[in-house]
PDB file of all heavy atoms in Angstrom:
ATOM      1  N   ALA A   1     209.896 -30.466 111.819  1.00  0.00           N
ATOM      2  CA  ALA A   1     211.089 -30.439 112.674  1.00  0.00           C
ATOM      3  C   ALA A   1     211.747 -31.813 112.747  1.00  0.00           C
ATOM      4  O   ALA A   1     212.968 -31.939 112.604  1.00  0.00           O
ATOM      5  CB  ALA A   1     210.731 -29.939 114.069  1.00  0.00           C
ATOM      6  N   ASP A   2     210.952 -32.844 112.948  1.00  0.00           N
ATOM      7  CA  ASP A   2     211.491 -34.198 113.057  1.00  0.00           C
ATOM      8  C   ASP A   2     212.065 -34.694 111.729  1.00  0.00           C
ATOM      9  O   ASP A   2     213.019 -35.470 111.709  1.00  0.00           O
ATOM     10  CB  ASP A   2     210.421 -35.166 113.558  1.00  0.00           C
ATOM     11  CG  ASP A   2     209.970 -34.857 114.980  1.00  0.00           C
ATOM     12  OD1 ASP A   2     210.674 -34.092 115.683  1.00  0.00           O
ATOM     13  OD2 ASP A   2     208.903 -35.364 115.380  1.00  0.00           O
ATOM     14  N   GLY A   3     211.492 -34.223 110.616  1.00  0.00           N
ATOM     15  CA  GLY A   3     211.975 -34.624 109.293  1.00  0.00           C
ATOM     16  C   GLY A   3     213.330 -34.068 108.932  1.00  0.00           C
ATOM     17  O   GLY A   3     213.939 -34.479 107.952  1.00  0.00           O
ATOM     18  N   MET A   4     213.842 -33.143 109.730  1.00  0.00           N
ATOM     19  CA  MET A   4     215.184 -32.603 109.503  1.00  0.00           C
ATOM     20  C   MET A   4     216.273 -33.578 109.938  1.00  0.00           C
ATOM     21  O   MET A   4     217.413 -33.466 109.515  1.00  0.00           O
ATOM     22  CB  MET A   4     215.364 -31.293 110.262  1.00  0.00           C
ATOM     23  CG  MET A   4     214.468 -30.192 109.815  1.00  0.00           C
ATOM     24  SD  MET A   4     214.989 -29.610 108.202  1.00  0.00           S
ATOM     25  CE  MET A   4     213.700 -28.450 107.878  1.00  0.00           C
ATOM     26  N   SER A   5     215.903 -34.546 110.791  1.00  0.00           N
ATOM     27  CA  SER A   5     216.921 -35.454 111.310  1.00  0.00           C
ATOM     28  C   SER A   5     216.617 -36.934 111.087  1.00  0.00           C
ATOM     29  O   SER A   5     217.489 -37.765 111.289  1.00  0.00           O
ATOM     30  CB  SER A   5     217.139 -35.200 112.806  1.00  0.00           C
ATOM     31  OG  SER A   5     215.932 -35.399 113.506  1.00  0.00           O
ATOM     32  N   ALA A   6     215.397 -37.264 110.679  1.00  0.00           N
ATOM     33  CA  ALA A   6     215.034 -38.673 110.486  1.00  0.00           C
ATOM     34  C   ALA A   6     213.853 -38.769 109.524  1.00  0.00           C
ATOM     35  O   ALA A   6     213.123 -37.797 109.330  1.00  0.00           O
ATOM     36  CB  ALA A   6     214.662 -39.317 111.822  1.00  0.00           C
ATOM     37  N   ARG A   7     213.669 -39.944 108.956  1.00  0.00           N
ATOM     38  CA  ARG A   7     212.506 -40.173 108.093  1.00  0.00           C
ATOM     39  C   ARG A   7     211.263 -40.220 108.980  1.00  0.00           C
ATOM     40  O   ARG A   7     211.208 -40.998 109.938  1.00  0.00           O
ATOM     41  CB  ARG A   7     212.667 -41.471 107.326  1.00  0.00           C
ATOM     42  CG  ARG A   7     211.549 -41.715 106.333  1.00  0.00           C
ATOM     43  CD  ARG A   7     211.755 -43.031 105.581  1.00  0.00           C
ATOM     44  NE  ARG A   7     210.759 -43.210 104.583  1.00  0.00           N
ATOM     45  CZ  ARG A   7     210.867 -42.841 103.310  1.00  0.00           C
ATOM     46  NH1 ARG A   7     211.983 -42.276 102.897  1.00  0.00           N
ATOM     47  NH2 ARG A   7     209.889 -43.040 102.456  1.00  0.00           N
ATOM     48  N   VAL A   8     210.276 -39.385 108.651  1.00  0.00           N
ATOM     49  CA  VAL A   8     209.053 -39.309 109.436  1.00  0.00           C
ATOM     50  C   VAL A   8     207.849 -39.183 108.509  1.00  0.00           C
ATOM     51  O   VAL A   8     207.973 -38.791 107.361  1.00  0.00           O
ATOM     52  CB  VAL A   8     209.059 -38.115 110.420  1.00  0.00           C
ATOM     53  CG1 VAL A   8     210.142 -38.284 111.482  1.00  0.00           C
ATOM     54  CG2 VAL A   8     209.232 -36.795 109.691  1.00  0.00           C
ATOM     55  N   GLY A   9     206.700 -39.515 109.064  1.00  0.00           N
ATOM     56  CA  GLY A   9     205.453 -39.364 108.337  1.00  0.00           C
ATOM     57  C   GLY A   9     205.039 -40.651 107.658  1.00  0.00           C
ATOM     58  O   GLY A   9     205.831 -41.574 107.493  1.00  0.00           O
ATOM     59  N   GLU A  10     203.784 -40.680 107.309  1.00  0.00           N
ATOM     60  CA  GLU A  10     203.241 -41.783 106.543  1.00  0.00           C
ATOM     61  C   GLU A  10     201.996 -41.257 105.854  1.00  0.00           C
ATOM     62  O   GLU A  10     201.451 -40.230 106.223  1.00  0.00           O
ATOM     63  CB  GLU A  10     202.931 -42.994 107.417  1.00  0.00           C
ATOM     64  CG  GLU A  10     202.104 -42.694 108.637  1.00  0.00           C
ATOM     65  CD  GLU A  10     201.961 -43.909 109.525  1.00  0.00           C
ATOM     66  OE1 GLU A  10     202.917 -44.254 110.233  1.00  0.00           O
ATOM     67  OE2 GLU A  10     200.877 -44.491 109.505  1.00  0.00           O
ATOM     68  N   GLY A  11     201.560 -41.932 104.837  1.00  0.00           N
ATOM     69  CA  GLY A  11     200.390 -41.448 104.126  1.00  0.00           C
ATOM     70  C   GLY A  11     200.752 -40.346 103.160  1.00  0.00           C
ATOM     71  O   GLY A  11     201.686 -40.475 102.371  1.00  0.00           O
ATOM     72  N   ASP A  12     200.052 -39.208 103.257  1.00  0.00           N
ATOM     73  CA  ASP A  12     200.196 -38.151 102.266  1.00  0.00           C
ATOM     74  C   ASP A  12     201.453 -37.304 102.383  1.00  0.00           C
ATOM     75  O   ASP A  12     201.842 -36.650 101.419  1.00  0.00           O
ATOM     76  CB  ASP A  12     198.975 -37.223 102.311  1.00  0.00           C
ATOM     77  CG  ASP A  12     197.750 -37.848 101.672  1.00  0.00           C
ATOM     78  OD1 ASP A  12     197.884 -38.929 101.060  1.00  0.00           O
ATOM     79  OD2 ASP A  12     196.662 -37.261 101.779  1.00  0.00           O
ATOM     80  N   VAL A  13     202.093 -37.246 103.539  1.00  0.00           N
ATOM     81  CA  VAL A  13     203.298 -36.427 103.705  1.00  0.00           C
ATOM     82  C   VAL A  13     204.373 -37.250 104.404  1.00  0.00           C
ATOM     83  O   VAL A  13     204.166 -37.743 105.504  1.00  0.00           O
ATOM     84  CB  VAL A  13     203.003 -35.148 104.523  1.00  0.00           C
ATOM     85  CG1 VAL A  13     204.271 -34.322 104.693  1.00  0.00           C
ATOM     86  CG2 VAL A  13     201.906 -34.305 103.870  1.00  0.00           C
ATOM     87  N   VAL A  14     205.525 -37.380 103.729  1.00  0.00           N
ATOM     88  CA  VAL A  14     206.683 -38.073 104.299  1.00  0.00           C
ATOM     89  C   VAL A  14     207.897 -37.166 104.089  1.00  0.00           C
ATOM     90  O   VAL A  14     208.077 -36.604 103.008  1.00  0.00           O
ATOM     91  CB  VAL A  14     206.913 -39.446 103.622  1.00  0.00           C
ATOM     92  CG1 VAL A  14     208.129 -40.141 104.210  1.00  0.00           C
ATOM     93  CG2 VAL A  14     205.679 -40.324 103.733  1.00  0.00           C
ATOM     94  N   LEU A  15     208.728 -37.017 105.122  1.00  0.00           N
ATOM     95  CA  LEU A  15     209.925 -36.187 105.043  1.00  0.00           C
ATOM     96  C   LEU A  15     211.140 -36.992 105.486  1.00  0.00           C
ATOM     97  O   LEU A  15     211.021 -37.877 106.334  1.00  0.00           O
ATOM     98  CB  LEU A  15     209.806 -34.984 105.984  1.00  0.00           C
ATOM     99  CG  LEU A  15     208.745 -33.948 105.688  1.00  0.00           C
ATOM    100  CD1 LEU A  15     207.472 -34.263 106.402  1.00  0.00           C
ATOM    101  CD2 LEU A  15     209.246 -32.601 106.083  1.00  0.00           C
ATOM    102  N   TRP A  16     212.322 -36.642 104.934  1.00  0.00           N
ATOM    103  CA  TRP A  16     213.561 -37.248 105.385  1.00  0.00           C
ATOM    104  C   TRP A  16     214.731 -36.322 105.031  1.00  0.00           C
ATOM    105  O   TRP A  16     214.671 -35.579 104.064  1.00  0.00           O
ATOM    106  CB  TRP A  16     213.771 -38.643 104.815  1.00  0.00           C
ATOM    107  CG  TRP A  16     213.905 -38.716 103.327  1.00  0.00           C
ATOM    108  CD1 TRP A  16     215.065 -38.646 102.592  1.00  0.00           C
ATOM    109  CD2 TRP A  16     212.849 -38.861 102.373  1.00  0.00           C
ATOM    110  NE1 TRP A  16     214.783 -38.747 101.263  1.00  0.00           N
ATOM    111  CE2 TRP A  16     213.439 -38.888 101.093  1.00  0.00           C
ATOM    112  CE3 TRP A  16     211.463 -38.979 102.474  1.00  0.00           C
ATOM    113  CZ2 TRP A  16     212.691 -39.007  99.925  1.00  0.00           C
ATOM    114  CZ3 TRP A  16     210.724 -39.105 101.315  1.00  0.00           C
ATOM    115  CH2 TRP A  16     211.327 -39.124 100.067  1.00  0.00           C
ATOM    116  N   PRO A  17     215.800 -36.359 105.846  1.00  0.00           N
ATOM    117  CA  PRO A  17     216.944 -35.480 105.596  1.00  0.00           C
ATOM    118  C   PRO A  17     217.859 -36.034 104.504  1.00  0.00           C
ATOM    119  O   PRO A  17     217.917 -37.242 104.273  1.00  0.00           O
ATOM    120  CB  PRO A  17     217.675 -35.472 106.941  1.00  0.00           C
ATOM    121  CG  PRO A  17     217.343 -36.802 107.540  1.00  0.00           C
ATOM    122  CD  PRO A  17     215.954 -37.134 107.070  1.00  0.00           C
ATOM    123  N   VAL A  18     218.571 -35.123 103.847  1.00  0.00           N
ATOM    124  CA  VAL A  18     219.643 -35.461 102.918  1.00  0.00           C
ATOM    125  C   VAL A  18     220.893 -34.844 103.539  1.00  0.00           C
ATOM    126  O   VAL A  18     220.956 -33.634 103.743  1.00  0.00           O
ATOM    127  CB  VAL A  18     219.402 -34.886 101.509  1.00  0.00           C
ATOM    128  CG1 VAL A  18     220.571 -35.180 100.593  1.00  0.00           C
ATOM    129  CG2 VAL A  18     218.091 -35.420 100.932  1.00  0.00           C
ATOM    130  N   CYS A  19     221.877 -35.691 103.881  1.00  0.00           N
ATOM    131  CA  CYS A  19     223.044 -35.227 104.638  1.00  0.00           C
ATOM    132  C   CYS A  19     224.306 -35.233 103.792  1.00  0.00           C
ATOM    133  O   CYS A  19     224.434 -36.018 102.847  1.00  0.00           O
ATOM    134  CB  CYS A  19     223.240 -36.100 105.874  1.00  0.00           C
ATOM    135  SG  CYS A  19     221.849 -36.035 107.018  1.00  0.00           S
ATOM    136  N   ASP A  20     225.254 -34.373 104.173  1.00  0.00           N
ATOM    137  CA  ASP A  20     226.555 -34.368 103.512  1.00  0.00           C
ATOM    138  C   ASP A  20     227.420 -35.491 104.093  1.00  0.00           C
ATOM    139  O   ASP A  20     226.958 -36.278 104.931  1.00  0.00           O
ATOM    140  CB  ASP A  20     227.226 -32.999 103.634  1.00  0.00           C
ATOM    141  CG  ASP A  20     227.518 -32.577 105.070  1.00  0.00           C
ATOM    142  OD1 ASP A  20     227.507 -33.444 105.985  1.00  0.00           O
ATOM    143  OD2 ASP A  20     227.771 -31.386 105.287  1.00  0.00           O
ATOM    144  N   LEU A  21     228.678 -35.569 103.675  1.00  0.00           N
ATOM    145  CA  LEU A  21     229.566 -36.642 104.116  1.00  0.00           C
ATOM    146  C   LEU A  21     229.844 -36.604 105.621  1.00  0.00           C
ATOM    147  O   LEU A  21     230.205 -37.614 106.212  1.00  0.00           O
ATOM    148  CB  LEU A  21     230.878 -36.602 103.336  1.00  0.00           C
ATOM    149  CG  LEU A  21     230.739 -36.884 101.838  1.00  0.00           C
ATOM    150  CD1 LEU A  21     232.078 -36.707 101.141  1.00  0.00           C
ATOM    151  CD2 LEU A  21     230.168 -38.267 101.587  1.00  0.00           C
ATOM    152  N   ASP A  22     229.665 -35.425 106.240  1.00  0.00           N
ATOM    153  CA  ASP A  22     229.866 -35.296 107.684  1.00  0.00           C
ATOM    154  C   ASP A  22     228.601 -35.592 108.471  1.00  0.00           C
ATOM    155  O   ASP A  22     228.581 -35.470 109.696  1.00  0.00           O
ATOM    156  CB  ASP A  22     230.358 -33.885 108.025  1.00  0.00           C
ATOM    157  CG  ASP A  22     231.724 -33.593 107.428  1.00  0.00           C
ATOM    158  OD1 ASP A  22     232.546 -34.525 107.348  1.00  0.00           O
ATOM    159  OD2 ASP A  22     231.951 -32.429 107.036  1.00  0.00           O
ATOM    160  N   GLY A  23     227.524 -35.945 107.785  1.00  0.00           N
ATOM    161  CA  GLY A  23     226.268 -36.257 108.457  1.00  0.00           C
ATOM    162  C   GLY A  23     225.408 -35.050 108.765  1.00  0.00           C
ATOM    163  O   GLY A  23     224.395 -35.166 109.448  1.00  0.00           O
ATOM    164  N   GLU A  24     225.796 -33.881 108.258  1.00  0.00           N
ATOM    165  CA  GLU A  24     225.018 -32.666 108.490  1.00  0.00           C
ATOM    166  C   GLU A  24     223.941 -32.539 107.414  1.00  0.00           C
ATOM    167  O   GLU A  24     224.203 -32.748 106.239  1.00  0.00           O
ATOM    168  CB  GLU A  24     225.927 -31.429 108.446  1.00  0.00           C
ATOM    169  CG  GLU A  24     226.938 -31.382 109.561  1.00  0.00           C
ATOM    170  CD  GLU A  24     226.295 -31.306 110.928  1.00  0.00           C
ATOM    171  OE1 GLU A  24     225.327 -30.525 111.092  1.00  0.00           O
ATOM    172  OE2 GLU A  24     226.746 -32.025 111.836  1.00  0.00           O
ATOM    173  N   PRO A  25     222.712 -32.189 107.811  1.00  0.00           N
ATOM    174  CA  PRO A  25     221.647 -32.053 106.811  1.00  0.00           C
ATOM    175  C   PRO A  25     221.887 -30.844 105.901  1.00  0.00           C
ATOM    176  O   PRO A  25     222.117 -29.741 106.388  1.00  0.00           O
ATOM    177  CB  PRO A  25     220.379 -31.873 107.644  1.00  0.00           C
ATOM    178  CG  PRO A  25     220.844 -31.436 108.983  1.00  0.00           C
ATOM    179  CD  PRO A  25     222.240 -31.938 109.164  1.00  0.00           C
ATOM    180  N   THR A  26     221.889 -31.090 104.607  1.00  0.00           N
ATOM    181  CA  THR A  26     222.037 -30.011 103.628  1.00  0.00           C
ATOM    182  C   THR A  26     220.682 -29.658 103.021  1.00  0.00           C
ATOM    183  O   THR A  26     220.461 -28.534 102.598  1.00  0.00           O
ATOM    184  CB  THR A  26     222.994 -30.410 102.497  1.00  0.00           C
ATOM    185  OG1 THR A  26     222.512 -31.612 101.877  1.00  0.00           O
ATOM    186  CG2 THR A  26     224.392 -30.633 103.036  1.00  0.00           C
ATOM    187  N   SER A  27     219.816 -30.628 102.976  1.00  0.00           N
ATOM    188  CA  SER A  27     218.468 -30.430 102.457  1.00  0.00           C
ATOM    189  C   SER A  27     217.586 -31.517 103.050  1.00  0.00           C
ATOM    190  O   SER A  27     218.067 -32.369 103.798  1.00  0.00           O
ATOM    191  CB  SER A  27     218.456 -30.487 100.926  1.00  0.00           C
ATOM    192  OG  SER A  27     218.917 -31.734 100.463  1.00  0.00           O
ATOM    193  N   PHE A  28     216.313 -31.455 102.728  1.00  0.00           N
ATOM    194  CA  PHE A  28     215.429 -32.536 103.124  1.00  0.00           C
ATOM    195  C   PHE A  28     214.436 -32.757 102.000  1.00  0.00           C
ATOM    196  O   PHE A  28     214.166 -31.861 101.195  1.00  0.00           O
ATOM    197  CB  PHE A  28     214.741 -32.266 104.464  1.00  0.00           C
ATOM    198  CG  PHE A  28     213.820 -31.088 104.470  1.00  0.00           C
ATOM    199  CD1 PHE A  28     212.450 -31.258 104.332  1.00  0.00           C
ATOM    200  CD2 PHE A  28     214.311 -29.801 104.631  1.00  0.00           C
ATOM    201  CE1 PHE A  28     211.596 -30.172 104.342  1.00  0.00           C
ATOM    202  CE2 PHE A  28     213.461 -28.717 104.648  1.00  0.00           C
ATOM    203  CZ  PHE A  28     212.101 -28.899 104.502  1.00  0.00           C
ATOM    204  N   CYS A  29     213.948 -33.959 101.925  1.00  0.00           N
ATOM    205  CA  CYS A  29     212.982 -34.315 100.886  1.00  0.00           C
ATOM    206  C   CYS A  29     211.587 -34.376 101.488  1.00  0.00           C
ATOM    207  O   CYS A  29     211.407 -34.788 102.628  1.00  0.00           O
ATOM    208  CB  CYS A  29     213.332 -35.665 100.261  1.00  0.00           C
ATOM    209  SG  CYS A  29     214.791 -35.583  99.209  1.00  0.00           S
ATOM    210  N   VAL A  30     210.634 -33.956 100.681  1.00  0.00           N
ATOM    211  CA  VAL A  30     209.223 -34.028 101.052  1.00  0.00           C
ATOM    212  C   VAL A  30     208.515 -34.784  99.936  1.00  0.00           C
ATOM    213  O   VAL A  30     208.593 -34.387  98.770  1.00  0.00           O
ATOM    214  CB  VAL A  30     208.592 -32.624 101.193  1.00  0.00           C
ATOM    215  CG1 VAL A  30     207.109 -32.728 101.517  1.00  0.00           C
ATOM    216  CG2 VAL A  30     209.321 -31.801 102.235  1.00  0.00           C
ATOM    217  N   ARG A  31     207.881 -35.875 100.308  1.00  0.00           N
ATOM    218  CA  ARG A  31     207.046 -36.608  99.350  1.00  0.00           C
ATOM    219  C   ARG A  31     205.602 -36.363  99.745  1.00  0.00           C
ATOM    220  O   ARG A  31     205.219 -36.590 100.887  1.00  0.00           O
ATOM    221  CB  ARG A  31     207.345 -38.098  99.371  1.00  0.00           C
ATOM    222  CG  ARG A  31     206.630 -38.847  98.219  1.00  0.00           C
ATOM    223  CD  ARG A  31     206.750 -40.328  98.348  1.00  0.00           C
ATOM    224  NE  ARG A  31     205.852 -40.762  99.422  1.00  0.00           N
ATOM    225  CZ  ARG A  31     206.094 -41.783 100.228  1.00  0.00           C
ATOM    226  NH1 ARG A  31     207.195 -42.488 100.122  1.00  0.00           N
ATOM    227  NH2 ARG A  31     205.234 -42.100 101.173  1.00  0.00           N
ATOM    228  N   VAL A  32     204.829 -35.848  98.817  1.00  0.00           N
ATOM    229  CA  VAL A  32     203.422 -35.549  99.085  1.00  0.00           C
ATOM    230  C   VAL A  32     202.545 -36.254  98.065  1.00  0.00           C
ATOM    231  O   VAL A  32     202.968 -36.553  96.955  1.00  0.00           O
ATOM    232  CB  VAL A  32     203.138 -34.024  99.054  1.00  0.00           C
ATOM    233  CG1 VAL A  32     203.839 -33.309 100.193  1.00  0.00           C
ATOM    234  CG2 VAL A  32     203.521 -33.418  97.719  1.00  0.00           C
ATOM    235  N   GLY A  33     201.330 -36.530  98.479  1.00  0.00           N
ATOM    236  CA  GLY A  33     200.351 -37.088  97.560  1.00  0.00           C
ATOM    237  C   GLY A  33     199.911 -38.468  97.965  1.00  0.00           C
ATOM    238  O   GLY A  33     200.578 -39.159  98.725  1.00  0.00           O
ATOM    239  N   GLY A  34     198.763 -38.837  97.462  1.00  0.00           N
ATOM    240  CA  GLY A  34     198.209 -40.163  97.719  1.00  0.00           C
ATOM    241  C   GLY A  34     198.491 -41.064  96.536  1.00  0.00           C
ATOM    242  O   GLY A  34     199.573 -41.611  96.389  1.00  0.00           O
TER     243      GLY A  34
END
Protein backbone atom coordinates (compact mmCIF):
# COMPACT_ATOMS: atom_id res chain seq x y z
CA ALA A 1 0.00 0.00 0.00
CA ASP A 2 2.74 2.46 0.93
CA GLY A 3 4.71 1.61 -2.23
CA MET A 4 1.88 3.03 -4.33
CA SER A 5 2.76 6.56 -3.23
CA ALA A 6 6.40 6.54 -2.08
CA ARG A 7 9.61 4.52 -2.22
CA VAL A 8 9.44 1.97 0.60
CA GLY A 9 11.22 -1.13 1.77
CA GLU A 10 14.78 -2.19 2.14
CA GLY A 11 16.61 -5.44 1.75
CA ASP A 12 14.88 -8.06 -0.36
CA VAL A 13 11.75 -6.10 -1.36
CA VAL A 14 11.66 -2.44 -2.43
CA LEU A 15 8.68 -0.72 -4.09
CA TRP A 16 8.15 2.72 -5.63
CA PRO A 17 5.47 4.41 -7.77
CA VAL A 18 5.81 5.41 -11.42
CA CYS A 19 3.66 8.50 -12.03
CA ASP A 20 2.31 10.26 -15.10
CA LEU A 21 2.86 13.98 -15.80
CA ASP A 22 -0.03 14.85 -13.44
CA GLY A 23 1.60 12.94 -10.58
CA GLU A 24 -0.91 10.09 -10.67
CA PRO A 25 0.52 6.58 -10.24
CA THR A 26 0.24 4.57 -13.45
CA SER A 27 2.34 1.66 -12.27
CA PHE A 28 4.76 0.75 -9.55
CA CYS A 29 8.09 -1.00 -9.54
CA VAL A 30 9.05 -3.92 -7.36
CA ARG A 31 12.69 -4.84 -6.89
CA VAL A 32 13.18 -8.23 -5.30
CA GLY A 33 16.19 -10.31 -4.43
CA GLY A 34 19.34 -10.22 -2.40
